[in-house]
Amino acid sequence: MEDVTIFITDRDGVKHEVQAPTDMAMNLMEVVRSYELAPEGTIGICGGMAMCASCQCYIENDIEINPMEDDEDAMLSEAFNVKDNSRLSCQIPITDALHNLEVTLAPES
């Protein structure tokens, strides 16, 4: 599979169906940015280094994604609007396993 379908609900509550390439070493934050689903300068402020939580999202369905690593867990422990299903989208690589993933962007803090 070259592209996967991902459903992203933006911060205004609008659900978008997007195609994300699995062969470009992208992460979910980069997909959100490439489709301009958040205003420029409001997501991925740290450049995807798990240092700002501006790309926090909520995983809305039961899709197998990569496990959370220590840096991401530490950043989320200091972030606002964190839920049990919170992840940093910069830490989720686009793979075939993400087909039909549903996420909601966390509110801007």
C-alpha atoms as a PDB file:
ATOM      1  CA  MET A   1       0.000   0.000   0.000  1.00  0.00           C
ATOM      2  CA  GLU A   2       1.438   3.399  -0.943  1.00  0.00           C
ATOM      3  CA  ASP A   3      -1.157   5.688   0.670  1.00  0.00           C
ATOM      4  CA  VAL A   4      -3.346   5.214   3.711  1.00  0.00           C
ATOM      5  CA  THR A   5      -6.617   6.961   4.447  1.00  0.00           C
ATOM      6  CA  ILE A   6      -6.668   8.920   7.693  1.00  0.00           C
ATOM      7  CA  PHE A   7      -9.607  10.846   9.137  1.00  0.00           C
ATOM      8  CA  ILE A   8      -8.529  14.023  10.937  1.00  0.00           C
ATOM      9  CA  THR A   9     -10.945  16.239  12.849  1.00  0.00           C
ATOM     10  CA  ASP A  10      -9.510  19.750  12.995  1.00  0.00           C
ATOM     11  CA  ARG A  11      -9.760  22.201  15.885  1.00  0.00           C
ATOM     12  CA  ASP A  12     -13.010  23.602  14.470  1.00  0.00           C
ATOM     13  CA  GLY A  13     -14.630  20.151  14.592  1.00  0.00           C
ATOM     14  CA  VAL A  14     -14.502  19.576  10.824  1.00  0.00           C
ATOM     15  CA  LYS A  15     -13.625  16.013   9.817  1.00  0.00           C
ATOM     16  CA  HIS A  16     -11.246  15.614   6.863  1.00  0.00           C
ATOM     17  CA  GLU A  17     -10.463  12.447   4.924  1.00  0.00           C
ATOM     18  CA  VAL A  18      -6.850  12.609   3.765  1.00  0.00           C
ATOM     19  CA  GLN A  19      -4.448  10.370   1.906  1.00  0.00           C
ATOM     20  CA  ALA A  20      -1.064   9.928   3.586  1.00  0.00           C
ATOM     21  CA  PRO A  21       1.925   8.391   1.787  1.00  0.00           C
ATOM     22  CA  THR A  22       3.644   5.475   3.509  1.00  0.00           C
ATOM     23  CA  ASP A  23       6.768   5.724   1.351  1.00  0.00           C
ATOM     24  CA  MET A  24       7.994   9.227   2.309  1.00  0.00           C
ATOM     25  CA  ALA A  25       9.022   8.749   5.975  1.00  0.00           C
ATOM     26  CA  MET A  26       6.399  11.277   7.076  1.00  0.00           C
ATOM     27  CA  ASN A  27       4.741  11.507  10.466  1.00  0.00           C
ATOM     28  CA  LEU A  28       1.146  12.440  11.262  1.00  0.00           C
ATOM     29  CA  MET A  29       2.055  16.041  12.184  1.00  0.00           C
ATOM     30  CA  GLU A  30       3.602  16.543   8.742  1.00  0.00           C
ATOM     31  CA  VAL A  31       0.426  15.231   7.116  1.00  0.00           C
ATOM     32  CA  VAL A  32      -1.677  17.705   9.123  1.00  0.00           C
ATOM     33  CA  ARG A  33       0.645  20.516   8.032  1.00  0.00           C
ATOM     34  CA  SER A  34       0.698  19.454   4.380  1.00  0.00           C
ATOM     35  CA  TYR A  35      -3.114  19.522   4.231  1.00  0.00           C
ATOM     36  CA  GLU A  36      -3.146  22.838   6.171  1.00  0.00           C
ATOM     37  CA  LEU A  37      -5.568  21.476   8.780  1.00  0.00           C
ATOM     38  CA  ALA A  38      -4.246  23.837  11.459  1.00  0.00           C
ATOM     39  CA  PRO A  39      -3.194  27.470  11.072  1.00  0.00           C
ATOM     40  CA  GLU A  40       0.489  27.891  10.253  1.00  0.00           C
ATOM     41  CA  GLY A  41       2.595  28.300  13.362  1.00  0.00           C
ATOM     42  CA  THR A  42       0.136  26.463  15.631  1.00  0.00           C
ATOM     43  CA  ILE A  43       1.224  22.865  15.101  1.00  0.00           C
ATOM     44  CA  GLY A  44       4.673  21.349  15.185  1.00  0.00           C
ATOM     45  CA  ILE A  45       6.298  24.452  16.641  1.00  0.00           C
ATOM     46  CA  CYS A  46       9.347  22.451  17.807  1.00  0.00           C
ATOM     47  CA  GLY A  47       9.733  20.846  14.386  1.00  0.00           C
ATOM     48  CA  GLY A  48       8.647  17.389  15.470  1.00  0.00           C
ATOM     49  CA  MET A  49      11.115  16.845  18.305  1.00  0.00           C
ATOM     50  CA  ALA A  50       8.485  15.986  20.995  1.00  0.00           C
ATOM     51  CA  MET A  51       9.374  19.203  22.825  1.00  0.00           C
ATOM     52  CA  CYS A  52       6.253  21.389  22.625  1.00  0.00           C
ATOM     53  CA  ALA A  53       2.999  19.341  22.466  1.00  0.00           C
ATOM     54  CA  SER A  54       1.531  21.738  19.871  1.00  0.00           C
ATOM     55  CA  CYS A  55       0.766  18.690  17.701  1.00  0.00           C
ATOM     56  CA  GLN A  56      -1.120  16.786  20.404  1.00  0.00           C
ATOM     57  CA  CYS A  57      -4.005  14.729  19.058  1.00  0.00           C
ATOM     58  CA  TYR A  58      -6.500  12.210  20.345  1.00  0.00           C
ATOM     59  CA  ILE A  59      -6.589   8.699  18.852  1.00  0.00           C
ATOM     60  CA  GLU A  60     -10.299   8.033  18.295  1.00  0.00           C
ATOM     61  CA  ASN A  61     -10.366   4.419  17.151  1.00  0.00           C
ATOM     62  CA  ASP A  62      -8.660   1.136  17.916  1.00  0.00           C
ATOM     63  CA  ILE A  63      -5.811   1.185  15.405  1.00  0.00           C
ATOM     64  CA  GLU A  64      -2.427  -0.322  16.265  1.00  0.00           C
ATOM     65  CA  ILE A  65       0.107   2.514  16.341  1.00  0.00           C
ATOM     66  CA  ASN A  66       3.697   2.606  17.513  1.00  0.00           C
ATOM     67  CA  PRO A  67       4.161   2.605  21.301  1.00  0.00           C
ATOM     68  CA  MET A  68       4.795   5.863  23.128  1.00  0.00           C
ATOM     69  CA  GLU A  69       8.447   6.493  23.983  1.00  0.00           C
ATOM     70  CA  ASP A  70       9.810   8.260  27.070  1.00  0.00           C
ATOM     71  CA  ASP A  71      10.279  11.712  25.459  1.00  0.00           C
ATOM     72  CA  GLU A  72       6.682  11.788  24.250  1.00  0.00           C
ATOM     73  CA  ASP A  73       5.342  10.565  27.604  1.00  0.00           C
ATOM     74  CA  ALA A  74       7.345  13.242  29.438  1.00  0.00           C
ATOM     75  CA  MET A  75       6.087  16.011  27.147  1.00  0.00           C
ATOM     76  CA  LEU A  76       2.462  14.912  27.513  1.00  0.00           C
ATOM     77  CA  SER A  77       2.833  14.876  31.308  1.00  0.00           C
ATOM     78  CA  GLU A  78       3.420  18.650  31.102  1.00  0.00           C
ATOM     79  CA  ALA A  79       0.882  19.485  28.377  1.00  0.00           C
ATOM     80  CA  PHE A  80      -2.637  20.883  28.616  1.00  0.00           C
ATOM     81  CA  ASN A  81      -5.850  19.098  27.547  1.00  0.00           C
ATOM     82  CA  VAL A  82      -4.245  15.661  27.885  1.00  0.00           C
ATOM     83  CA  LYS A  83      -6.549  12.626  27.767  1.00  0.00           C
ATOM     84  CA  ASP A  84      -5.947   8.888  28.025  1.00  0.00           C
ATOM     85  CA  ASN A  85      -5.896   8.697  24.210  1.00  0.00           C
ATOM     86  CA  SER A  86      -3.474  11.632  23.709  1.00  0.00           C
ATOM     87  CA  ARG A  87      -0.437  11.281  21.479  1.00  0.00           C
ATOM     88  CA  LEU A  88       1.974  13.695  19.835  1.00  0.00           C
ATOM     89  CA  SER A  89       1.307  13.430  16.115  1.00  0.00           C
ATOM     90  CA  CYS A  90       4.993  14.113  15.373  1.00  0.00           C
ATOM     91  CA  GLN A  91       5.802  10.788  17.022  1.00  0.00           C
ATOM     92  CA  ILE A  92       3.441   8.706  14.862  1.00  0.00           C
ATOM     93  CA  PRO A  93       5.102   7.580  11.631  1.00  0.00           C
ATOM     94  CA  ILE A  94       2.844   6.989   8.645  1.00  0.00           C
ATOM     95  CA  THR A  95       2.712   3.239   8.015  1.00  0.00           C
ATOM     96  CA  ASP A  96       0.277   0.800   6.412  1.00  0.00           C
ATOM     97  CA  ALA A  97      -1.045   0.028   9.917  1.00  0.00           C
ATOM     98  CA  LEU A  98      -2.576   3.529  10.140  1.00  0.00           C
ATOM     99  CA  HIS A  99      -5.118   2.899   7.372  1.00  0.00           C
ATOM    100  CA  ASN A 100      -8.500   4.271   8.580  1.00  0.00           C
ATOM    101  CA  LEU A 101      -6.978   5.914  11.667  1.00  0.00           C
ATOM    102  CA  GLU A 102      -9.262   8.550  13.197  1.00  0.00           C
ATOM    103  CA  VAL A 103      -7.718  11.433  15.155  1.00  0.00           C
ATOM    104  CA  THR A 104      -8.870  14.734  16.582  1.00  0.00           C
ATOM    105  CA  LEU A 105      -6.469  17.634  16.970  1.00  0.00           C
ATOM    106  CA  ALA A 106      -6.250  18.797  20.578  1.00  0.00           C
ATOM    107  CA  PRO A 107      -7.242  22.409  21.283  1.00  0.00           C
ATOM    108  CA  GLU A 108      -4.542  25.020  21.024  1.00  0.00           C
ATOM    109  CA  SER A 109      -3.207  25.723  24.522  1.00  0.00           C
END
